[in-house]
Amino acid sequence: MPYFTEGFNDFFKGLAPNNHKDWFHENKKTYEREVKKAFAKFLTDLIQNIREKYDPELELEVKNAVFRINRDIRFSKDKTPYKMHVSAVVSRAGRKDMQLPGMYIQFGVGEIWLGGGMYRPEKENLQLIREHIARNPAKVKKLKANKAFKAIYTAIQGEKNKRIPKDFKEAVLTEPLIANKQFYFMAQYEDDESLLLKEDLMAWVLEHYEAGLAWNQFFVEAMSVEQD
């Protein structure tokens, strides 16, 4: 049985031209049932599957994985109060520590994003990742060549530094990924409202999780290195 119904899509289709508090509160019961509750059930089962198959130490509560549907409009020209999707991050720390790699999930109408990696590594973590890449060029080459990763995500994405720290100027010639200041991967699926209604949605999402797992583990290893 699918996790989501057409009610999920219908809610956001209704919200799109009525993105204000009055409409949301009038339709809150639909939101609670078709969106919030359905997404929580999906995440509960996803966390359980990941714990059983890949990470026995994953003890994450759904409430610590899910992002609020309310937009932060304080510094935005767009003052609409609600997002047009639900989203979450599944890692050992969830959304409470975005420095820990995990899986990012975003579900909207005809729009699914699945990915992971390091989107905004802090300065210290960026240094550790670069050092880990420089020490392990063969491993990085192998990760880049992984067929499952390439088929789903193609490559590691992210902004690059225009100036490379002098410590890495030689290493970057061997492995250009060192120039990155972001290290994330993302698969985006648009214009297909049926994807979310798939009977095998869980298996499909787990495929994406598995395809990115080795990279996530690589980043965890980098930040777990004991310093002299």
C-alpha atoms as a PDB file:
ATOM      1  CA  MET A   1       0.000   0.000   0.000  1.00  0.00           C
ATOM      2  CA  PRO A   2       1.434   3.437  -0.921  1.00  0.00           C
ATOM      3  CA  TYR A   3       2.418   5.857   1.829  1.00  0.00           C
ATOM      4  CA  PHE A   4       0.828   8.830   0.067  1.00  0.00           C
ATOM      5  CA  THR A   5      -2.435   9.412  -1.773  1.00  0.00           C
ATOM      6  CA  GLU A   6      -3.653  12.022  -4.232  1.00  0.00           C
ATOM      7  CA  GLY A   7      -4.712  13.936  -1.126  1.00  0.00           C
ATOM      8  CA  PHE A   8      -1.051  14.906  -0.647  1.00  0.00           C
ATOM      9  CA  ASN A   9      -0.839  16.415  -4.128  1.00  0.00           C
ATOM     10  CA  ASP A  10      -4.282  18.001  -3.840  1.00  0.00           C
ATOM     11  CA  PHE A  11      -3.363  19.760  -0.606  1.00  0.00           C
ATOM     12  CA  PHE A  12      -0.332  21.475  -2.142  1.00  0.00           C
ATOM     13  CA  LYS A  13      -2.220  22.266  -5.360  1.00  0.00           C
ATOM     14  CA  GLY A  14      -4.773  24.034  -3.209  1.00  0.00           C
ATOM     15  CA  LEU A  15      -2.101  25.792  -1.152  1.00  0.00           C
ATOM     16  CA  ALA A  16      -0.244  27.144  -4.201  1.00  0.00           C
ATOM     17  CA  PRO A  17      -2.768  29.919  -5.032  1.00  0.00           C
ATOM     18  CA  ASN A  18      -3.853  30.300  -1.389  1.00  0.00           C
ATOM     19  CA  ASN A  19      -0.582  30.476   0.496  1.00  0.00           C
ATOM     20  CA  HIS A  20      -1.846  32.300   3.577  1.00  0.00           C
ATOM     21  CA  LYS A  21      -2.743  31.406   7.153  1.00  0.00           C
ATOM     22  CA  ASP A  22      -6.516  31.509   6.732  1.00  0.00           C
ATOM     23  CA  TRP A  23      -6.567  28.872   3.990  1.00  0.00           C
ATOM     24  CA  PHE A  24      -4.014  26.716   5.790  1.00  0.00           C
ATOM     25  CA  HIS A  25      -6.030  26.699   9.006  1.00  0.00           C
ATOM     26  CA  GLU A  26      -9.243  25.942   7.110  1.00  0.00           C
ATOM     27  CA  ASN A  27      -7.514  22.918   5.566  1.00  0.00           C
ATOM     28  CA  LYS A  28      -5.389  21.927   8.548  1.00  0.00           C
ATOM     29  CA  LYS A  29      -7.138  18.584   9.061  1.00  0.00           C
ATOM     30  CA  THR A  30      -6.318  17.626   5.479  1.00  0.00           C
ATOM     31  CA  TYR A  31      -2.722  18.715   6.008  1.00  0.00           C
ATOM     32  CA  GLU A  32      -2.442  16.686   9.227  1.00  0.00           C
ATOM     33  CA  ARG A  33      -3.860  13.543   7.600  1.00  0.00           C
ATOM     34  CA  GLU A  34      -2.587  13.592   4.019  1.00  0.00           C
ATOM     35  CA  VAL A  35       0.757  15.330   4.491  1.00  0.00           C
ATOM     36  CA  LYS A  36       2.111  15.424   8.037  1.00  0.00           C
ATOM     37  CA  LYS A  37       0.903  12.021   9.237  1.00  0.00           C
ATOM     38  CA  ALA A  38       1.737  10.268   5.931  1.00  0.00           C
ATOM     39  CA  PHE A  39       5.243  11.769   5.847  1.00  0.00           C
ATOM     40  CA  ALA A  40       5.848  10.824   9.492  1.00  0.00           C
ATOM     41  CA  LYS A  41       4.816   7.226   8.786  1.00  0.00           C
ATOM     42  CA  PHE A  42       7.126   7.087   5.776  1.00  0.00           C
ATOM     43  CA  LEU A  43      10.048   8.483   7.792  1.00  0.00           C
ATOM     44  CA  THR A  44       9.387   6.101  10.692  1.00  0.00           C
ATOM     45  CA  ASP A  45       9.634   3.132   8.356  1.00  0.00           C
ATOM     46  CA  LEU A  46      12.614   4.603   6.480  1.00  0.00           C
ATOM     47  CA  ILE A  47      14.573   5.095   9.714  1.00  0.00           C
ATOM     48  CA  GLN A  48      13.757   1.545  10.766  1.00  0.00           C
ATOM     49  CA  ASN A  49      14.881   0.155   7.405  1.00  0.00           C
ATOM     50  CA  ILE A  50      18.150   2.092   7.511  1.00  0.00           C
ATOM     51  CA  ARG A  51      18.804   1.004  11.095  1.00  0.00           C
ATOM     52  CA  GLU A  52      18.202  -2.658  10.232  1.00  0.00           C
ATOM     53  CA  LYS A  53      20.107  -2.698   6.929  1.00  0.00           C
ATOM     54  CA  TYR A  54      22.849  -0.091   7.156  1.00  0.00           C
ATOM     55  CA  ASP A  55      23.280   1.696  10.473  1.00  0.00           C
ATOM     56  CA  PRO A  56      22.418  -0.081  13.740  1.00  0.00           C
ATOM     57  CA  GLU A  57      23.334   3.060  15.687  1.00  0.00           C
ATOM     58  CA  LEU A  58      20.691   5.207  13.999  1.00  0.00           C
ATOM     59  CA  GLU A  59      18.419   6.231  16.869  1.00  0.00           C
ATOM     60  CA  LEU A  60      16.546   9.136  15.300  1.00  0.00           C
ATOM     61  CA  GLU A  61      13.087  10.361  16.220  1.00  0.00           C
ATOM     62  CA  VAL A  62      10.928  11.641  13.374  1.00  0.00           C
ATOM     63  CA  LYS A  63      10.390  14.991  15.121  1.00  0.00           C
ATOM     64  CA  ASN A  64      14.158  15.553  14.988  1.00  0.00           C
ATOM     65  CA  ALA A  65      14.340  14.705  11.285  1.00  0.00           C
ATOM     66  CA  VAL A  66      11.498  16.833   9.869  1.00  0.00           C
ATOM     67  CA  PHE A  67      11.797  20.473   8.904  1.00  0.00           C
ATOM     68  CA  ARG A  68       8.869  22.791   9.629  1.00  0.00           C
ATOM     69  CA  ILE A  69       6.500  23.587   6.777  1.00  0.00           C
ATOM     70  CA  ASN A  70       6.609  27.235   7.819  1.00  0.00           C
ATOM     71  CA  ARG A  71       8.985  29.381   5.815  1.00  0.00           C
ATOM     72  CA  ASP A  72      11.446  31.772   7.436  1.00  0.00           C
ATOM     73  CA  ILE A  73      10.275  35.019   5.872  1.00  0.00           C
ATOM     74  CA  ARG A  74      12.233  37.470   8.042  1.00  0.00           C
ATOM     75  CA  PHE A  75      14.773  38.368   5.346  1.00  0.00           C
ATOM     76  CA  SER A  76      12.860  37.210   2.263  1.00  0.00           C
ATOM     77  CA  LYS A  77      11.026  39.281  -0.331  1.00  0.00           C
ATOM     78  CA  ASP A  78       8.627  36.355  -0.708  1.00  0.00           C
ATOM     79  CA  LYS A  79       6.327  36.626   2.315  1.00  0.00           C
ATOM     80  CA  THR A  80       4.236  33.504   1.654  1.00  0.00           C
ATOM     81  CA  PRO A  81       4.266  31.648   4.985  1.00  0.00           C
ATOM     82  CA  TYR A  82       4.356  27.999   3.866  1.00  0.00           C
ATOM     83  CA  LYS A  83       6.707  25.806   1.850  1.00  0.00           C
ATOM     84  CA  MET A  84       5.346  23.898  -1.120  1.00  0.00           C
ATOM     85  CA  HIS A  85       6.913  20.645   0.065  1.00  0.00           C
ATOM     86  CA  VAL A  86       7.798  18.594   3.116  1.00  0.00           C
ATOM     87  CA  SER A  87      11.407  17.792   3.896  1.00  0.00           C
ATOM     88  CA  ALA A  88      13.645  15.984   6.361  1.00  0.00           C
ATOM     89  CA  VAL A  89      17.198  14.884   6.944  1.00  0.00           C
ATOM     90  CA  VAL A  90      17.898  11.345   8.106  1.00  0.00           C
ATOM     91  CA  SER A  91      21.200  11.010   9.968  1.00  0.00           C
ATOM     92  CA  ARG A  92      22.253  10.155  13.504  1.00  0.00           C
ATOM     93  CA  ALA A  93      21.709  13.804  14.496  1.00  0.00           C
ATOM     94  CA  GLY A  94      18.860  14.695  12.129  1.00  0.00           C
ATOM     95  CA  ARG A  95      18.302  18.390  11.472  1.00  0.00           C
ATOM     96  CA  LYS A  96      19.886  19.277  14.834  1.00  0.00           C
ATOM     97  CA  ASP A  97      23.414  18.917  13.459  1.00  0.00           C
ATOM     98  CA  MET A  98      23.707  19.545   9.740  1.00  0.00           C
ATOM     99  CA  GLN A  99      27.461  18.906   9.908  1.00  0.00           C
ATOM    100  CA  LEU A 100      26.769  15.179  10.063  1.00  0.00           C
ATOM    101  CA  PRO A 101      26.166  13.677   6.591  1.00  0.00           C
ATOM    102  CA  GLY A 102      22.909  11.866   6.005  1.00  0.00           C
ATOM    103  CA  MET A 103      20.052  11.693   3.522  1.00  0.00           C
ATOM    104  CA  TYR A 104      18.068  14.782   2.531  1.00  0.00           C
ATOM    105  CA  ILE A 105      14.477  14.122   1.449  1.00  0.00           C
ATOM    106  CA  GLN A 106      12.078  16.600  -0.125  1.00  0.00           C
ATOM    107  CA  PHE A 107       8.599  15.705  -1.385  1.00  0.00           C
ATOM    108  CA  GLY A 108       6.379  18.123  -3.284  1.00  0.00           C
ATOM    109  CA  VAL A 109       3.847  17.946  -6.104  1.00  0.00           C
ATOM    110  CA  GLY A 110       5.684  16.388  -9.041  1.00  0.00           C
ATOM    111  CA  GLU A 111       8.960  17.228  -7.347  1.00  0.00           C
ATOM    112  CA  ILE A 112      11.182  14.847  -5.377  1.00  0.00           C
ATOM    113  CA  TRP A 113      14.699  15.590  -4.178  1.00  0.00           C
ATOM    114  CA  LEU A 114      16.891  12.857  -2.666  1.00  0.00           C
ATOM    115  CA  GLY A 115      20.530  13.337  -1.768  1.00  0.00           C
ATOM    116  CA  GLY A 116      23.222  13.713   0.829  1.00  0.00           C
ATOM    117  CA  GLY A 117      26.818  14.664   1.480  1.00  0.00           C
ATOM    118  CA  MET A 118      28.106  17.891   3.014  1.00  0.00           C
ATOM    119  CA  TYR A 119      26.186  20.981   1.907  1.00  0.00           C
ATOM    120  CA  ARG A 120      27.787  23.584   4.179  1.00  0.00           C
ATOM    121  CA  PRO A 121      30.803  22.166   6.005  1.00  0.00           C
ATOM    122  CA  GLU A 122      32.140  24.491   8.666  1.00  0.00           C
ATOM    123  CA  LYS A 123      35.712  25.755   8.287  1.00  0.00           C
ATOM    124  CA  GLU A 124      37.274  23.070  10.486  1.00  0.00           C
ATOM    125  CA  ASN A 125      35.336  20.260   8.787  1.00  0.00           C
ATOM    126  CA  LEU A 126      36.196  21.610   5.333  1.00  0.00           C
ATOM    127  CA  GLN A 127      39.871  21.411   6.246  1.00  0.00           C
ATOM    128  CA  LEU A 128      39.477  17.835   7.522  1.00  0.00           C
ATOM    129  CA  ILE A 129      37.622  16.744   4.374  1.00  0.00           C
ATOM    130  CA  ARG A 130      40.282  18.254   2.129  1.00  0.00           C
ATOM    131  CA  GLU A 131      43.038  16.551   4.106  1.00  0.00           C
ATOM    132  CA  HIS A 132      41.194  13.230   3.888  1.00  0.00           C
ATOM    133  CA  ILE A 133      40.793  13.594   0.122  1.00  0.00           C
ATOM    134  CA  ALA A 134      44.475  14.468  -0.264  1.00  0.00           C
ATOM    135  CA  ARG A 135      45.509  11.389   1.728  1.00  0.00           C
ATOM    136  CA  ASN A 136      43.167   9.041  -0.147  1.00  0.00           C
ATOM    137  CA  PRO A 137      43.188   9.866  -3.882  1.00  0.00           C
ATOM    138  CA  ALA A 138      42.730   6.220  -4.900  1.00  0.00           C
ATOM    139  CA  LYS A 139      39.698   5.853  -2.654  1.00  0.00           C
ATOM    140  CA  VAL A 140      38.172   9.067  -4.004  1.00  0.00           C
ATOM    141  CA  LYS A 141      38.717   7.839  -7.560  1.00  0.00           C
ATOM    142  CA  LYS A 142      36.927   4.600  -6.677  1.00  0.00           C
ATOM    143  CA  LEU A 143      34.003   6.450  -5.075  1.00  0.00           C
ATOM    144  CA  LYS A 144      33.654   8.671  -8.128  1.00  0.00           C
ATOM    145  CA  ALA A 145      33.609   5.626 -10.411  1.00  0.00           C
ATOM    146  CA  ASN A 146      30.980   3.709  -8.426  1.00  0.00           C
ATOM    147  CA  LYS A 147      28.304   2.672 -10.948  1.00  0.00           C
ATOM    148  CA  ALA A 148      25.325   2.933  -8.600  1.00  0.00           C
ATOM    149  CA  PHE A 149      26.376   6.425  -7.462  1.00  0.00           C
ATOM    150  CA  LYS A 150      26.992   7.648 -11.008  1.00  0.00           C
ATOM    151  CA  ALA A 151      23.692   6.221 -12.268  1.00  0.00           C
ATOM    152  CA  ILE A 152      21.659   8.106  -9.659  1.00  0.00           C
ATOM    153  CA  TYR A 153      23.680  11.194  -8.738  1.00  0.00           C
ATOM    154  CA  THR A 154      26.258  11.541 -11.550  1.00  0.00           C
ATOM    155  CA  ALA A 155      28.860  13.369  -9.441  1.00  0.00           C
ATOM    156  CA  ILE A 156      29.658  15.331  -6.293  1.00  0.00           C
ATOM    157  CA  GLN A 157      28.360  18.891  -6.653  1.00  0.00           C
ATOM    158  CA  GLY A 158      29.148  22.163  -4.920  1.00  0.00           C
ATOM    159  CA  GLU A 159      30.776  25.564  -5.156  1.00  0.00           C
ATOM    160  CA  LYS A 160      34.534  25.729  -5.520  1.00  0.00           C
ATOM    161  CA  ASN A 161      37.082  28.066  -4.010  1.00  0.00           C
ATOM    162  CA  LYS A 162      38.686  30.358  -6.569  1.00  0.00           C
ATOM    163  CA  ARG A 163      41.846  30.376  -4.494  1.00  0.00           C
ATOM    164  CA  ILE A 164      43.188  27.088  -3.200  1.00  0.00           C
ATOM    165  CA  PRO A 165      44.946  27.131   0.175  1.00  0.00           C
ATOM    166  CA  LYS A 166      48.701  26.706  -0.398  1.00  0.00           C
ATOM    167  CA  ASP A 167      48.734  23.426   1.567  1.00  0.00           C
ATOM    168  CA  PHE A 168      46.590  21.828  -1.156  1.00  0.00           C
ATOM    169  CA  LYS A 169      48.004  23.325  -4.351  1.00  0.00           C
ATOM    170  CA  GLU A 170      49.855  20.164  -5.276  1.00  0.00           C
ATOM    171  CA  ALA A 171      47.147  17.761  -4.155  1.00  0.00           C
ATOM    172  CA  VAL A 172      44.455  19.558  -6.170  1.00  0.00           C
ATOM    173  CA  LEU A 173      46.342  18.689  -9.355  1.00  0.00           C
ATOM    174  CA  THR A 174      45.810  15.016  -8.521  1.00  0.00           C
ATOM    175  CA  GLU A 175      42.278  15.415  -7.182  1.00  0.00           C
ATOM    176  CA  PRO A 176      40.371  18.567  -8.268  1.00  0.00           C
ATOM    177  CA  LEU A 177      37.583  17.808  -5.760  1.00  0.00           C
ATOM    178  CA  ILE A 178      39.818  19.388  -3.101  1.00  0.00           C
ATOM    179  CA  ALA A 179      38.898  22.786  -4.555  1.00  0.00           C
ATOM    180  CA  ASN A 180      35.265  22.281  -3.522  1.00  0.00           C
ATOM    181  CA  LYS A 181      33.881  24.088  -0.495  1.00  0.00           C
ATOM    182  CA  GLN A 182      30.673  22.025  -0.750  1.00  0.00           C
ATOM    183  CA  PHE A 183      30.439  18.255  -1.260  1.00  0.00           C
ATOM    184  CA  TYR A 184      26.852  17.213  -1.880  1.00  0.00           C
ATOM    185  CA  PHE A 185      24.942  14.990  -4.276  1.00  0.00           C
ATOM    186  CA  MET A 186      21.322  15.338  -5.278  1.00  0.00           C
ATOM    187  CA  ALA A 187      18.867  13.535  -7.552  1.00  0.00           C
ATOM    188  CA  GLN A 188      15.884  15.652  -8.623  1.00  0.00           C
ATOM    189  CA  TYR A 189      12.723  14.302 -10.218  1.00  0.00           C
ATOM    190  CA  GLU A 190      10.207  16.799 -11.566  1.00  0.00           C
ATOM    191  CA  ASP A 191       6.894  16.850 -13.422  1.00  0.00           C
ATOM    192  CA  ASP A 192       5.820  13.359 -12.363  1.00  0.00           C
ATOM    193  CA  GLU A 193       3.126  13.383  -9.685  1.00  0.00           C
ATOM    194  CA  SER A 194       2.883   9.588  -9.709  1.00  0.00           C
ATOM    195  CA  LEU A 195       6.355   9.003  -8.194  1.00  0.00           C
ATOM    196  CA  LEU A 196       5.174   9.748  -4.671  1.00  0.00           C
ATOM    197  CA  LEU A 197       2.285   7.309  -5.084  1.00  0.00           C
ATOM    198  CA  LYS A 198       4.550   4.387  -6.015  1.00  0.00           C
ATOM    199  CA  GLU A 199       3.863   1.070  -4.302  1.00  0.00           C
ATOM    200  CA  ASP A 200       7.626   0.561  -4.001  1.00  0.00           C
ATOM    201  CA  LEU A 201       8.467   4.101  -2.860  1.00  0.00           C
ATOM    202  CA  MET A 202      10.386   2.836   0.169  1.00  0.00           C
ATOM    203  CA  ALA A 203      12.599   0.496  -1.865  1.00  0.00           C
ATOM    204  CA  TRP A 204      13.215   3.273  -4.392  1.00  0.00           C
ATOM    205  CA  VAL A 205      14.298   5.753  -1.717  1.00  0.00           C
ATOM    206  CA  LEU A 206      16.513   3.137  -0.050  1.00  0.00           C
ATOM    207  CA  GLU A 207      18.235   2.612  -3.418  1.00  0.00           C
ATOM    208  CA  HIS A 208      19.174   6.285  -3.316  1.00  0.00           C
ATOM    209  CA  TYR A 209      20.349   5.998   0.275  1.00  0.00           C
ATOM    210  CA  GLU A 210      22.577   3.032  -0.546  1.00  0.00           C
ATOM    211  CA  ALA A 211      24.018   4.707  -3.638  1.00  0.00           C
ATOM    212  CA  GLY A 212      25.244   7.654  -1.561  1.00  0.00           C
ATOM    213  CA  LEU A 213      26.234   5.711   1.559  1.00  0.00           C
ATOM    214  CA  ALA A 214      29.939   5.253   0.753  1.00  0.00           C
ATOM    215  CA  TRP A 215      30.407   8.988   0.182  1.00  0.00           C
ATOM    216  CA  ASN A 216      28.617   9.826   3.435  1.00  0.00           C
ATOM    217  CA  GLN A 217      30.843   7.342   5.255  1.00  0.00           C
ATOM    218  CA  PHE A 218      33.910   8.916   3.645  1.00  0.00           C
ATOM    219  CA  PHE A 219      32.946  12.352   4.995  1.00  0.00           C
ATOM    220  CA  VAL A 220      32.266  10.916   8.457  1.00  0.00           C
ATOM    221  CA  GLU A 221      35.713   9.275   8.383  1.00  0.00           C
ATOM    222  CA  ALA A 222      37.275  12.607   7.428  1.00  0.00           C
ATOM    223  CA  MET A 223      35.735  14.426  10.381  1.00  0.00           C
ATOM    224  CA  SER A 224      36.488  11.586  12.810  1.00  0.00           C
ATOM    225  CA  VAL A 225      40.245  11.670  12.235  1.00  0.00           C
ATOM    226  CA  GLU A 226      42.159  12.062  15.500  1.00  0.00           C
ATOM    227  CA  GLN A 227      44.293  15.152  15.448  1.00  0.00           C
ATOM    228  CA  ASP A 228      47.938  15.106  16.539  1.00  0.00           C
END
